[in-house]
């Protein structure tokens, strides 16, 4: 039923956006708000690179440097991607997620293809994040009409610098109209919760860091307090196995405001010895078969994060996905297997809900 996700597999997130959109600021924010998670950052840029307030221990050149917070950062050409992915994915680094910051002039589709084409068993593609400058969006589209194509490819779009845009509602609506079911997250100063992109390890470092309430209260308000972007979350637990066809219909029709889904799904196929972890960012969707352990409760446990979502209705829709049959229908798993890396049913490049 496809390759199982191993503890060594590390998600690789591509962070793209035109010059000045705020990619480095967002990366800086992620590095400092990652909790107990270790981030490997690959910066693909031209000329000198500055990452402010990151306490870089040395100039960023062709070599790997160690940052004060234990992260790694490499200044590389895209052709060297596989070399650096292998270096960062080495078990000795202890890296939990790799973020590739693309050049402002790079073609994100090519970086995505390179990650998907990588045969390194220790990494898995984790989605494309596109950062746009809300204040300069109209001018950016005029200079770079290809931004429409970039947004259509994205799994999550961060509409940054909203505090500088006089017509935030129009810009957000316009960006949403150009995406293909991507999650659209409003932000100022690149402040998004890291858990939109990857699972943060619990640690004391998380105490006092940005929460959803912090983002609502501080991160996205302008000087007059006119911008308010709240975040909603739903925790769903079921002791009844999920019916795969029903769950896939739910996932294929998830609302645009639903940024993130993560957790574990029990399909009732206990004879295979596997449960399925699920990871969704925007339209990107991936399942990973994982072996049950004796300590695992045979439960479906999901967390949904979004803005403007009806958590009550989503909970009812998930409850309707519970299996009322005495035995799981293995043929129904074909839809799930389309989103398992290495599955023979569908190639990696199709890991997107239709």
C-alpha atoms as a PDB file:
ATOM      1  CA  UNK A   1       0.000   0.000   0.000  1.00  0.00           C
ATOM      2  CA  UNK A   2       2.888   2.334  -0.757  1.00  0.00           C
ATOM      3  CA  UNK A   3       6.005   3.209   1.169  1.00  0.00           C
ATOM      4  CA  UNK A   4       5.676   3.884   4.863  1.00  0.00           C
ATOM      5  CA  UNK A   5       6.862   7.173   6.219  1.00  0.00           C
ATOM      6  CA  UNK A   6       9.980   6.618   8.273  1.00  0.00           C
ATOM      7  CA  UNK A   7      11.128   8.670  11.256  1.00  0.00           C
ATOM      8  CA  UNK A   8      14.013   9.911   9.075  1.00  0.00           C
ATOM      9  CA  UNK A   9      11.774  11.502   6.440  1.00  0.00           C
ATOM     10  CA  UNK A  10      11.910  15.287   6.644  1.00  0.00           C
ATOM     11  CA  UNK A  11       9.335  17.561   4.951  1.00  0.00           C
ATOM     12  CA  UNK A  12      10.832  20.049   2.495  1.00  0.00           C
ATOM     13  CA  UNK A  13       8.853  23.295   2.145  1.00  0.00           C
ATOM     14  CA  UNK A  14       9.556  25.664  -0.770  1.00  0.00           C
ATOM     15  CA  UNK A  15       9.226  29.341   0.220  1.00  0.00           C
ATOM     16  CA  UNK A  16       8.855  31.608  -2.813  1.00  0.00           C
ATOM     17  CA  UNK A  17       7.874  35.179  -3.664  1.00  0.00           C
ATOM     18  CA  UNK A  18       9.182  38.150  -5.608  1.00  0.00           C
ATOM     19  CA  UNK A  19      11.897  40.459  -4.327  1.00  0.00           C
ATOM     20  CA  UNK A  20      10.794  42.449  -1.303  1.00  0.00           C
ATOM     21  CA  UNK A  21       7.724  40.350  -0.503  1.00  0.00           C
ATOM     22  CA  UNK A  22       9.067  39.397   2.915  1.00  0.00           C
ATOM     23  CA  UNK A  23      10.359  35.843   2.458  1.00  0.00           C
ATOM     24  CA  UNK A  24      13.444  36.364   4.616  1.00  0.00           C
ATOM     25  CA  UNK A  25      11.404  38.037   7.335  1.00  0.00           C
ATOM     26  CA  UNK A  26       9.001  35.098   7.338  1.00  0.00           C
ATOM     27  CA  UNK A  27      11.885  32.605   7.440  1.00  0.00           C
ATOM     28  CA  UNK A  28      13.434  34.550  10.293  1.00  0.00           C
ATOM     29  CA  UNK A  29      10.116  34.381  12.137  1.00  0.00           C
ATOM     30  CA  UNK A  30       9.848  30.614  11.591  1.00  0.00           C
ATOM     31  CA  UNK A  31      13.399  30.050  12.824  1.00  0.00           C
ATOM     32  CA  UNK A  32      12.709  31.919  16.034  1.00  0.00           C
ATOM     33  CA  UNK A  33       9.211  30.540  16.648  1.00  0.00           C
ATOM     34  CA  UNK A  34       9.780  26.883  15.865  1.00  0.00           C
ATOM     35  CA  UNK A  35       9.646  25.703  19.462  1.00  0.00           C
ATOM     36  CA  UNK A  36      11.640  22.524  19.869  1.00  0.00           C
ATOM     37  CA  UNK A  37      11.799  21.886  16.125  1.00  0.00           C
ATOM     38  CA  UNK A  38      15.076  22.270  14.224  1.00  0.00           C
ATOM     39  CA  UNK A  39      14.836  23.945  10.817  1.00  0.00           C
ATOM     40  CA  UNK A  40      17.330  23.504   8.027  1.00  0.00           C
ATOM     41  CA  UNK A  41      17.180  26.534   5.715  1.00  0.00           C
ATOM     42  CA  UNK A  42      18.480  26.519   2.152  1.00  0.00           C
ATOM     43  CA  UNK A  43      18.692  30.042   0.741  1.00  0.00           C
ATOM     44  CA  UNK A  44      18.789  30.067  -3.067  1.00  0.00           C
ATOM     45  CA  UNK A  45      19.673  33.640  -3.989  1.00  0.00           C
ATOM     46  CA  UNK A  46      22.076  35.765  -5.980  1.00  0.00           C
ATOM     47  CA  UNK A  47      24.733  38.004  -4.497  1.00  0.00           C
ATOM     48  CA  UNK A  48      25.047  38.863  -0.832  1.00  0.00           C
ATOM     49  CA  UNK A  49      22.409  37.507   1.532  1.00  0.00           C
ATOM     50  CA  UNK A  50      21.361  39.158   4.743  1.00  0.00           C
ATOM     51  CA  UNK A  51      19.082  37.473   7.246  1.00  0.00           C
ATOM     52  CA  UNK A  52      18.449  40.094   9.890  1.00  0.00           C
ATOM     53  CA  UNK A  53      18.307  39.332  13.603  1.00  0.00           C
ATOM     54  CA  UNK A  54      19.320  35.690  13.134  1.00  0.00           C
ATOM     55  CA  UNK A  55      22.731  35.845  14.834  1.00  0.00           C
ATOM     56  CA  UNK A  56      24.495  34.175  11.930  1.00  0.00           C
ATOM     57  CA  UNK A  57      27.792  32.734  13.084  1.00  0.00           C
ATOM     58  CA  UNK A  58      29.815  33.794  10.046  1.00  0.00           C
ATOM     59  CA  UNK A  59      29.232  35.051   6.523  1.00  0.00           C
ATOM     60  CA  UNK A  60      26.808  33.065   4.380  1.00  0.00           C
ATOM     61  CA  UNK A  61      28.867  31.518   1.634  1.00  0.00           C
ATOM     62  CA  UNK A  62      29.004  28.142  -0.088  1.00  0.00           C
ATOM     63  CA  UNK A  63      29.595  26.358   3.189  1.00  0.00           C
ATOM     64  CA  UNK A  64      27.112  25.417   5.859  1.00  0.00           C
ATOM     65  CA  UNK A  65      27.058  27.642   8.920  1.00  0.00           C
ATOM     66  CA  UNK A  66      25.571  27.000  12.320  1.00  0.00           C
ATOM     67  CA  UNK A  67      23.199  29.575  13.746  1.00  0.00           C
ATOM     68  CA  UNK A  68      22.807  30.457  17.381  1.00  0.00           C
ATOM     69  CA  UNK A  69      19.485  28.645  17.595  1.00  0.00           C
ATOM     70  CA  UNK A  70      20.866  25.425  16.138  1.00  0.00           C
ATOM     71  CA  UNK A  71      19.428  25.870  12.646  1.00  0.00           C
ATOM     72  CA  UNK A  72      21.446  25.419   9.473  1.00  0.00           C
ATOM     73  CA  UNK A  73      21.514  27.816   6.563  1.00  0.00           C
ATOM     74  CA  UNK A  74      23.169  27.335   3.184  1.00  0.00           C
ATOM     75  CA  UNK A  75      23.584  29.808   0.333  1.00  0.00           C
ATOM     76  CA  UNK A  76      23.371  27.624  -2.759  1.00  0.00           C
ATOM     77  CA  UNK A  77      22.610  27.509  -6.420  1.00  0.00           C
ATOM     78  CA  UNK A  78      19.528  25.473  -7.307  1.00  0.00           C
ATOM     79  CA  UNK A  79      21.688  22.953  -9.186  1.00  0.00           C
ATOM     80  CA  UNK A  80      23.252  21.962  -5.868  1.00  0.00           C
ATOM     81  CA  UNK A  81      19.923  21.250  -4.223  1.00  0.00           C
ATOM     82  CA  UNK A  82      20.323  17.491  -3.945  1.00  0.00           C
ATOM     83  CA  UNK A  83      23.744  17.857  -2.342  1.00  0.00           C
ATOM     84  CA  UNK A  84      22.434  20.141   0.369  1.00  0.00           C
ATOM     85  CA  UNK A  85      19.242  18.170   0.911  1.00  0.00           C
ATOM     86  CA  UNK A  86      21.381  15.112   1.571  1.00  0.00           C
ATOM     87  CA  UNK A  87      23.564  17.063   3.980  1.00  0.00           C
ATOM     88  CA  UNK A  88      20.616  18.498   5.900  1.00  0.00           C
ATOM     89  CA  UNK A  89      18.693  15.209   5.942  1.00  0.00           C
ATOM     90  CA  UNK A  90      21.573  13.316   7.559  1.00  0.00           C
ATOM     91  CA  UNK A  91      20.309  11.843  10.842  1.00  0.00           C
ATOM     92  CA  UNK A  92      23.162  13.445  12.762  1.00  0.00           C
ATOM     93  CA  UNK A  93      21.807  16.950  12.049  1.00  0.00           C
ATOM     94  CA  UNK A  94      18.596  16.337  13.954  1.00  0.00           C
ATOM     95  CA  UNK A  95      16.692  18.497  11.435  1.00  0.00           C
ATOM     96  CA  UNK A  96      12.872  18.256  11.597  1.00  0.00           C
ATOM     97  CA  UNK A  97      11.921  20.374   8.569  1.00  0.00           C
ATOM     98  CA  UNK A  98      13.805  21.949   5.653  1.00  0.00           C
ATOM     99  CA  UNK A  99      12.732  25.307   4.208  1.00  0.00           C
ATOM    100  CA  UNK A 100      14.067  26.320   0.792  1.00  0.00           C
ATOM    101  CA  UNK A 101      13.931  30.092   0.369  1.00  0.00           C
ATOM    102  CA  UNK A 102      13.837  30.637  -3.383  1.00  0.00           C
ATOM    103  CA  UNK A 103      15.403  33.616  -5.063  1.00  0.00           C
ATOM    104  CA  UNK A 104      13.002  36.451  -5.758  1.00  0.00           C
ATOM    105  CA  UNK A 105      13.662  35.794  -9.439  1.00  0.00           C
ATOM    106  CA  UNK A 106      13.436  32.013  -9.246  1.00  0.00           C
ATOM    107  CA  UNK A 107      10.804  29.838 -10.884  1.00  0.00           C
ATOM    108  CA  UNK A 108       9.168  28.031  -7.933  1.00  0.00           C
ATOM    109  CA  UNK A 109       7.780  25.304 -10.172  1.00  0.00           C
ATOM    110  CA  UNK A 110      11.312  24.173 -10.995  1.00  0.00           C
ATOM    111  CA  UNK A 111      12.291  23.937  -7.320  1.00  0.00           C
ATOM    112  CA  UNK A 112       9.124  21.978  -6.584  1.00  0.00           C
ATOM    113  CA  UNK A 113       9.915  19.585  -9.431  1.00  0.00           C
ATOM    114  CA  UNK A 114      13.444  19.108  -8.122  1.00  0.00           C
ATOM    115  CA  UNK A 115      12.181  18.243  -4.650  1.00  0.00           C
ATOM    116  CA  UNK A 116       9.553  15.867  -6.031  1.00  0.00           C
ATOM    117  CA  UNK A 117      12.149  14.247  -8.286  1.00  0.00           C
ATOM    118  CA  UNK A 118      14.624  13.693  -5.470  1.00  0.00           C
ATOM    119  CA  UNK A 119      15.221  10.033  -4.744  1.00  0.00           C
ATOM    120  CA  UNK A 120      16.600  10.717  -1.291  1.00  0.00           C
ATOM    121  CA  UNK A 121      14.679   8.415   1.079  1.00  0.00           C
ATOM    122  CA  UNK A 122      15.073  10.843   3.961  1.00  0.00           C
ATOM    123  CA  UNK A 123      12.987  13.718   2.571  1.00  0.00           C
ATOM    124  CA  UNK A 124       9.402  14.277   1.454  1.00  0.00           C
ATOM    125  CA  UNK A 125       7.903  17.285  -0.325  1.00  0.00           C
ATOM    126  CA  UNK A 126       5.977  19.478   2.109  1.00  0.00           C
ATOM    127  CA  UNK A 127       4.316  22.082  -0.112  1.00  0.00           C
ATOM    128  CA  UNK A 128       4.849  25.466  -1.802  1.00  0.00           C
ATOM    129  CA  UNK A 129       4.399  28.702   0.157  1.00  0.00           C
ATOM    130  CA  UNK A 130       4.136  31.906  -1.887  1.00  0.00           C
ATOM    131  CA  UNK A 131       4.646  35.272  -0.145  1.00  0.00           C
ATOM    132  CA  UNK A 132       3.147  38.414  -1.697  1.00  0.00           C
ATOM    133  CA  UNK A 133       3.481  42.067  -0.742  1.00  0.00           C
ATOM    134  CA  UNK A 134      -0.039  43.406  -0.211  1.00  0.00           C
ATOM    135  CA  UNK A 135       1.046  47.039  -0.544  1.00  0.00           C
ATOM    136  CA  UNK A 136       2.810  46.459  -3.876  1.00  0.00           C
ATOM    137  CA  UNK A 137       0.657  43.659  -5.281  1.00  0.00           C
ATOM    138  CA  UNK A 138      -0.829  45.610  -8.193  1.00  0.00           C
ATOM    139  CA  UNK A 139       2.582  46.915  -9.279  1.00  0.00           C
ATOM    140  CA  UNK A 140       4.104  43.463  -8.862  1.00  0.00           C
ATOM    141  CA  UNK A 141       1.458  41.936 -11.137  1.00  0.00           C
ATOM    142  CA  UNK A 142       2.134  44.613 -13.740  1.00  0.00           C
ATOM    143  CA  UNK A 143       5.892  43.936 -13.696  1.00  0.00           C
ATOM    144  CA  UNK A 144       5.643  40.165 -13.212  1.00  0.00           C
ATOM    145  CA  UNK A 145       2.440  38.781 -14.746  1.00  0.00           C
ATOM    146  CA  UNK A 146       3.746  35.277 -14.030  1.00  0.00           C
ATOM    147  CA  UNK A 147       2.726  35.796 -10.411  1.00  0.00           C
ATOM    148  CA  UNK A 148      -0.709  34.488 -11.370  1.00  0.00           C
ATOM    149  CA  UNK A 149       0.860  31.184 -12.386  1.00  0.00           C
ATOM    150  CA  UNK A 150       2.898  31.064  -9.177  1.00  0.00           C
ATOM    151  CA  UNK A 151      -0.185  31.632  -7.040  1.00  0.00           C
ATOM    152  CA  UNK A 152      -2.062  28.904  -8.906  1.00  0.00           C
ATOM    153  CA  UNK A 153       0.708  26.452  -7.952  1.00  0.00           C
ATOM    154  CA  UNK A 154       0.900  27.460  -4.297  1.00  0.00           C
ATOM    155  CA  UNK A 155      -0.447  25.437  -1.408  1.00  0.00           C
ATOM    156  CA  UNK A 156      -0.380  28.367   1.010  1.00  0.00           C
ATOM    157  CA  UNK A 157      -0.216  32.067   0.157  1.00  0.00           C
ATOM    158  CA  UNK A 158       0.974  34.537   2.792  1.00  0.00           C
ATOM    159  CA  UNK A 159      -0.379  38.002   1.998  1.00  0.00           C
ATOM    160  CA  UNK A 160       2.251  40.010   3.832  1.00  0.00           C
ATOM    161  CA  UNK A 161       2.561  43.712   4.782  1.00  0.00           C
ATOM    162  CA  UNK A 162      -1.176  44.171   5.162  1.00  0.00           C
ATOM    163  CA  UNK A 163      -0.497  47.013   7.572  1.00  0.00           C
ATOM    164  CA  UNK A 164       0.797  49.018   4.600  1.00  0.00           C
ATOM    165  CA  UNK A 165      -2.070  48.302   2.199  1.00  0.00           C
ATOM    166  CA  UNK A 166      -4.942  50.817   2.178  1.00  0.00           C
ATOM    167  CA  UNK A 167      -7.435  48.330   0.680  1.00  0.00           C
ATOM    168  CA  UNK A 168      -6.710  45.033   2.391  1.00  0.00           C
ATOM    169  CA  UNK A 169     -10.053  43.436   1.580  1.00  0.00           C
ATOM    170  CA  UNK A 170      -9.654  44.027  -2.158  1.00  0.00           C
ATOM    171  CA  UNK A 171      -6.111  42.635  -2.177  1.00  0.00           C
ATOM    172  CA  UNK A 172      -7.097  39.523  -0.232  1.00  0.00           C
ATOM    173  CA  UNK A 173     -10.072  38.888  -2.541  1.00  0.00           C
ATOM    174  CA  UNK A 174      -7.887  39.390  -5.612  1.00  0.00           C
ATOM    175  CA  UNK A 175      -5.229  36.981  -4.348  1.00  0.00           C
ATOM    176  CA  UNK A 176      -7.869  34.372  -3.541  1.00  0.00           C
ATOM    177  CA  UNK A 177      -9.282  34.698  -7.065  1.00  0.00           C
ATOM    178  CA  UNK A 178      -5.854  33.842  -8.502  1.00  0.00           C
ATOM    179  CA  UNK A 179      -5.223  30.743  -6.398  1.00  0.00           C
ATOM    180  CA  UNK A 180      -6.271  27.179  -7.038  1.00  0.00           C
ATOM    181  CA  UNK A 181      -7.784  26.376  -3.634  1.00  0.00           C
ATOM    182  CA  UNK A 182      -4.650  27.456  -1.816  1.00  0.00           C
ATOM    183  CA  UNK A 183      -4.992  28.627   1.770  1.00  0.00           C
ATOM    184  CA  UNK A 184      -4.624  32.423   1.911  1.00  0.00           C
ATOM    185  CA  UNK A 185      -3.160  33.679   5.197  1.00  0.00           C
ATOM    186  CA  UNK A 186      -3.071  37.409   6.025  1.00  0.00           C
ATOM    187  CA  UNK A 187       0.059  38.608   7.816  1.00  0.00           C
ATOM    188  CA  UNK A 188       2.230  41.510   8.845  1.00  0.00           C
ATOM    189  CA  UNK A 189       5.995  41.200   9.328  1.00  0.00           C
ATOM    190  CA  UNK A 190       5.817  37.581   8.108  1.00  0.00           C
ATOM    191  CA  UNK A 191       4.105  36.490  11.322  1.00  0.00           C
ATOM    192  CA  UNK A 192       2.327  33.207  10.718  1.00  0.00           C
ATOM    193  CA  UNK A 193       2.062  30.331  13.108  1.00  0.00           C
ATOM    194  CA  UNK A 194       4.754  27.742  12.229  1.00  0.00           C
ATOM    195  CA  UNK A 195       2.219  24.965  12.707  1.00  0.00           C
ATOM    196  CA  UNK A 196       0.552  26.063   9.474  1.00  0.00           C
ATOM    197  CA  UNK A 197       3.559  24.455   7.786  1.00  0.00           C
ATOM    198  CA  UNK A 198       4.973  21.809  10.091  1.00  0.00           C
ATOM    199  CA  UNK A 199       4.454  20.161  13.459  1.00  0.00           C
ATOM    200  CA  UNK A 200       6.306  21.946  16.213  1.00  0.00           C
ATOM    201  CA  UNK A 201       7.789  19.792  18.912  1.00  0.00           C
ATOM    202  CA  UNK A 202       6.513  20.629  22.388  1.00  0.00           C
ATOM    203  CA  UNK A 203       9.156  22.276  24.501  1.00  0.00           C
ATOM    204  CA  UNK A 204       9.614  24.973  27.096  1.00  0.00           C
ATOM    205  CA  UNK A 205      10.661  27.263  24.254  1.00  0.00           C
ATOM    206  CA  UNK A 206       7.063  27.255  23.009  1.00  0.00           C
ATOM    207  CA  UNK A 207       5.922  28.897  26.246  1.00  0.00           C
ATOM    208  CA  UNK A 208       5.393  32.583  25.601  1.00  0.00           C
ATOM    209  CA  UNK A 209       5.672  32.254  21.827  1.00  0.00           C
ATOM    210  CA  UNK A 210       3.050  33.361  19.341  1.00  0.00           C
ATOM    211  CA  UNK A 211      -0.242  31.586  19.719  1.00  0.00           C
ATOM    212  CA  UNK A 212      -3.371  32.064  17.614  1.00  0.00           C
ATOM    213  CA  UNK A 213      -4.548  34.577  20.205  1.00  0.00           C
ATOM    214  CA  UNK A 214      -1.225  36.432  19.995  1.00  0.00           C
ATOM    215  CA  UNK A 215      -1.536  36.669  16.224  1.00  0.00           C
ATOM    216  CA  UNK A 216      -5.067  37.986  16.577  1.00  0.00           C
ATOM    217  CA  UNK A 217      -4.169  40.519  19.251  1.00  0.00           C
ATOM    218  CA  UNK A 218      -0.745  41.739  18.168  1.00  0.00           C
ATOM    219  CA  UNK A 219       0.539  40.335  14.895  1.00  0.00           C
ATOM    220  CA  UNK A 220      -2.118  41.498  12.466  1.00  0.00           C
ATOM    221  CA  UNK A 221      -3.425  44.777  13.843  1.00  0.00           C
ATOM    222  CA  UNK A 222      -2.469  48.061  12.273  1.00  0.00           C
ATOM    223  CA  UNK A 223      -1.953  51.252  14.270  1.00  0.00           C
ATOM    224  CA  UNK A 224      -5.682  51.943  14.359  1.00  0.00           C
ATOM    225  CA  UNK A 225      -6.613  48.385  15.255  1.00  0.00           C
ATOM    226  CA  UNK A 226      -8.591  47.910  12.037  1.00  0.00           C
ATOM    227  CA  UNK A 227      -7.123  44.563  11.006  1.00  0.00           C
ATOM    228  CA  UNK A 228      -8.380  41.574  12.944  1.00  0.00           C
ATOM    229  CA  UNK A 229      -7.666  38.089  11.701  1.00  0.00           C
ATOM    230  CA  UNK A 230      -8.732  35.382  14.106  1.00  0.00           C
ATOM    231  CA  UNK A 231      -7.907  31.721  13.732  1.00  0.00           C
ATOM    232  CA  UNK A 232     -10.187  28.805  14.486  1.00  0.00           C
ATOM    233  CA  UNK A 233      -9.248  25.230  15.269  1.00  0.00           C
ATOM    234  CA  UNK A 234     -11.129  21.971  15.598  1.00  0.00           C
ATOM    235  CA  UNK A 235      -9.938  18.827  17.358  1.00  0.00           C
ATOM    236  CA  UNK A 236     -11.711  15.691  16.136  1.00  0.00           C
ATOM    237  CA  UNK A 237     -11.408  12.296  17.817  1.00  0.00           C
ATOM    238  CA  UNK A 238     -13.263   9.147  16.814  1.00  0.00           C
ATOM    239  CA  UNK A 239     -13.075   5.584  18.081  1.00  0.00           C
ATOM    240  CA  UNK A 240     -14.892   4.399  14.950  1.00  0.00           C
ATOM    241  CA  UNK A 241     -12.787   3.709  11.821  1.00  0.00           C
ATOM    242  CA  UNK A 242     -13.249   6.208   9.015  1.00  0.00           C
ATOM    243  CA  UNK A 243     -14.774   5.202   5.686  1.00  0.00           C
ATOM    244  CA  UNK A 244     -12.105   6.131   3.091  1.00  0.00           C
ATOM    245  CA  UNK A 245     -14.449   7.206   0.285  1.00  0.00           C
ATOM    246  CA  UNK A 246     -16.387   9.518   2.576  1.00  0.00           C
ATOM    247  CA  UNK A 247     -13.211  10.997   4.046  1.00  0.00           C
ATOM    248  CA  UNK A 248     -11.781  11.678   0.594  1.00  0.00           C
ATOM    249  CA  UNK A 249     -15.002  13.443  -0.429  1.00  0.00           C
ATOM    250  CA  UNK A 250     -14.629  15.594   2.686  1.00  0.00           C
ATOM    251  CA  UNK A 251     -10.983  16.389   1.906  1.00  0.00           C
ATOM    252  CA  UNK A 252     -11.661  17.121  -1.760  1.00  0.00           C
ATOM    253  CA  UNK A 253     -14.340  19.670  -0.819  1.00  0.00           C
ATOM    254  CA  UNK A 254     -12.652  21.333   2.159  1.00  0.00           C
ATOM    255  CA  UNK A 255     -13.268  25.092   2.337  1.00  0.00           C
ATOM    256  CA  UNK A 256     -10.645  27.618   1.287  1.00  0.00           C
ATOM    257  CA  UNK A 257     -10.312  29.040   4.791  1.00  0.00           C
ATOM    258  CA  UNK A 258      -9.145  25.665   6.107  1.00  0.00           C
ATOM    259  CA  UNK A 259      -5.361  26.148   6.154  1.00  0.00           C
ATOM    260  CA  UNK A 260      -4.109  23.014   7.841  1.00  0.00           C
ATOM    261  CA  UNK A 261      -5.108  19.434   8.664  1.00  0.00           C
ATOM    262  CA  UNK A 262      -2.861  17.104  10.603  1.00  0.00           C
ATOM    263  CA  UNK A 263      -3.208  13.962  12.639  1.00  0.00           C
ATOM    264  CA  UNK A 264      -3.881  10.246  12.296  1.00  0.00           C
ATOM    265  CA  UNK A 265      -6.631   8.290  10.583  1.00  0.00           C
ATOM    266  CA  UNK A 266      -7.789   4.785  11.460  1.00  0.00           C
ATOM    267  CA  UNK A 267      -9.387   3.161   8.421  1.00  0.00           C
ATOM    268  CA  UNK A 268     -10.011  -0.090  10.282  1.00  0.00           C
ATOM    269  CA  UNK A 269      -7.479  -2.059   8.210  1.00  0.00           C
ATOM    270  CA  UNK A 270      -5.861  -3.511  11.286  1.00  0.00           C
ATOM    271  CA  UNK A 271      -4.690  -6.620   9.444  1.00  0.00           C
ATOM    272  CA  UNK A 272      -2.210  -4.406   7.542  1.00  0.00           C
ATOM    273  CA  UNK A 273      -0.725  -3.159  10.794  1.00  0.00           C
ATOM    274  CA  UNK A 274      -0.939   0.449   9.581  1.00  0.00           C
ATOM    275  CA  UNK A 275      -2.654   3.657  10.517  1.00  0.00           C
ATOM    276  CA  UNK A 276      -2.359   6.713   8.249  1.00  0.00           C
ATOM    277  CA  UNK A 277      -0.950  10.046   9.313  1.00  0.00           C
ATOM    278  CA  UNK A 278      -2.299  12.940   7.251  1.00  0.00           C
ATOM    279  CA  UNK A 279      -0.711  16.287   6.404  1.00  0.00           C
ATOM    280  CA  UNK A 280      -2.552  19.011   4.509  1.00  0.00           C
ATOM    281  CA  UNK A 281      -1.498  22.597   3.807  1.00  0.00           C
ATOM    282  CA  UNK A 282      -3.978  24.387   1.568  1.00  0.00           C
ATOM    283  CA  UNK A 283      -4.617  22.130  -1.385  1.00  0.00           C
ATOM    284  CA  UNK A 284      -1.539  19.980  -0.727  1.00  0.00           C
ATOM    285  CA  UNK A 285      -2.470  16.615   0.764  1.00  0.00           C
ATOM    286  CA  UNK A 286      -0.384  13.634   1.752  1.00  0.00           C
ATOM    287  CA  UNK A 287      -1.026  10.393   3.638  1.00  0.00           C
ATOM    288  CA  UNK A 288       1.710   8.342   5.289  1.00  0.00           C
ATOM    289  CA  UNK A 289       1.094   4.727   6.331  1.00  0.00           C
ATOM    290  CA  UNK A 290       2.643   4.150   9.740  1.00  0.00           C
ATOM    291  CA  UNK A 291       2.722   0.992  11.835  1.00  0.00           C
ATOM    292  CA  UNK A 292       0.535   0.822  14.893  1.00  0.00           C
ATOM    293  CA  UNK A 293       2.430   0.374  18.113  1.00  0.00           C
ATOM    294  CA  UNK A 294       1.077  -1.367  21.222  1.00  0.00           C
ATOM    295  CA  UNK A 295       0.808   2.021  22.932  1.00  0.00           C
ATOM    296  CA  UNK A 296      -1.333   3.570  20.178  1.00  0.00           C
ATOM    297  CA  UNK A 297      -5.047   3.907  20.834  1.00  0.00           C
ATOM    298  CA  UNK A 298      -6.994   2.789  17.756  1.00  0.00           C
ATOM    299  CA  UNK A 299      -8.422   6.253  17.177  1.00  0.00           C
ATOM    300  CA  UNK A 300      -8.724   8.852  14.453  1.00  0.00           C
ATOM    301  CA  UNK A 301      -7.256  12.065  15.834  1.00  0.00           C
ATOM    302  CA  UNK A 302      -7.288  15.182  13.644  1.00  0.00           C
ATOM    303  CA  UNK A 303      -6.617  18.882  14.167  1.00  0.00           C
ATOM    304  CA  UNK A 304      -8.048  21.394  11.670  1.00  0.00           C
ATOM    305  CA  UNK A 305      -6.819  25.014  11.627  1.00  0.00           C
ATOM    306  CA  UNK A 306      -8.295  27.837   9.606  1.00  0.00           C
ATOM    307  CA  UNK A 307      -9.932  31.235   9.479  1.00  0.00           C
ATOM    308  CA  UNK A 308     -13.633  31.817   9.049  1.00  0.00           C
ATOM    309  CA  UNK A 309     -14.376  28.102   9.143  1.00  0.00           C
ATOM    310  CA  UNK A 310     -17.527  26.624  10.654  1.00  0.00           C
ATOM    311  CA  UNK A 311     -15.948  24.231  13.136  1.00  0.00           C
ATOM    312  CA  UNK A 312     -19.318  22.797  14.151  1.00  0.00           C
ATOM    313  CA  UNK A 313     -20.263  21.951  10.574  1.00  0.00           C
ATOM    314  CA  UNK A 314     -16.812  20.512   9.834  1.00  0.00           C
ATOM    315  CA  UNK A 315     -17.061  18.330  12.919  1.00  0.00           C
ATOM    316  CA  UNK A 316     -20.425  17.008  11.759  1.00  0.00           C
ATOM    317  CA  UNK A 317     -19.025  16.315   8.277  1.00  0.00           C
ATOM    318  CA  UNK A 318     -16.141  14.365   9.780  1.00  0.00           C
ATOM    319  CA  UNK A 319     -18.524  12.446  12.032  1.00  0.00           C
ATOM    320  CA  UNK A 320     -20.478  11.491   8.898  1.00  0.00           C
ATOM    321  CA  UNK A 321     -17.263   9.907   7.558  1.00  0.00           C
ATOM    322  CA  UNK A 322     -17.325   7.235  10.238  1.00  0.00           C
ATOM    323  CA  UNK A 323     -17.697   3.738   8.878  1.00  0.00           C
ATOM    324  CA  UNK A 324     -20.998   2.057   9.660  1.00  0.00           C
ATOM    325  CA  UNK A 325     -19.986  -1.180   7.910  1.00  0.00           C
ATOM    326  CA  UNK A 326     -18.699  -4.170   9.905  1.00  0.00           C
ATOM    327  CA  UNK A 327     -15.538  -4.354   7.774  1.00  0.00           C
ATOM    328  CA  UNK A 328     -13.472  -1.786   5.928  1.00  0.00           C
ATOM    329  CA  UNK A 329     -13.744  -1.746   2.137  1.00  0.00           C
ATOM    330  CA  UNK A 330     -10.170  -2.139   0.901  1.00  0.00           C
ATOM    331  CA  UNK A 331     -11.159  -0.970  -2.600  1.00  0.00           C
ATOM    332  CA  UNK A 332     -12.202   2.308  -1.046  1.00  0.00           C
ATOM    333  CA  UNK A 333      -8.563   2.875  -0.090  1.00  0.00           C
ATOM    334  CA  UNK A 334      -7.588   3.502  -3.703  1.00  0.00           C
ATOM    335  CA  UNK A 335      -8.530   7.174  -3.347  1.00  0.00           C
ATOM    336  CA  UNK A 336      -6.296   7.457  -0.271  1.00  0.00           C
ATOM    337  CA  UNK A 337      -3.382   5.717  -1.974  1.00  0.00           C
ATOM    338  CA  UNK A 338      -3.287   8.437  -4.653  1.00  0.00           C
ATOM    339  CA  UNK A 339      -1.795  10.663  -1.939  1.00  0.00           C
ATOM    340  CA  UNK A 340       0.771   8.242  -0.536  1.00  0.00           C
ATOM    341  CA  UNK A 341       4.342   8.956  -1.587  1.00  0.00           C
ATOM    342  CA  UNK A 342       5.750   6.176  -3.729  1.00  0.00           C
ATOM    343  CA  UNK A 343       2.338   4.665  -4.409  1.00  0.00           C
ATOM    344  CA  UNK A 344       2.105   2.986  -7.781  1.00  0.00           C
ATOM    345  CA  UNK A 345      -1.405   4.348  -8.178  1.00  0.00           C
ATOM    346  CA  UNK A 346      -0.363   7.926  -8.802  1.00  0.00           C
ATOM    347  CA  UNK A 347       2.970   9.800  -9.001  1.00  0.00           C
ATOM    348  CA  UNK A 348       4.203  12.250  -6.386  1.00  0.00           C
ATOM    349  CA  UNK A 349       3.387  15.277  -8.517  1.00  0.00           C
ATOM    350  CA  UNK A 350      -0.321  14.511  -8.038  1.00  0.00           C
ATOM    351  CA  UNK A 351      -0.319  14.939  -4.254  1.00  0.00           C
ATOM    352  CA  UNK A 352      -3.012  17.566  -4.499  1.00  0.00           C
ATOM    353  CA  UNK A 353      -6.695  17.231  -3.723  1.00  0.00           C
ATOM    354  CA  UNK A 354      -8.679  17.768  -6.892  1.00  0.00           C
END
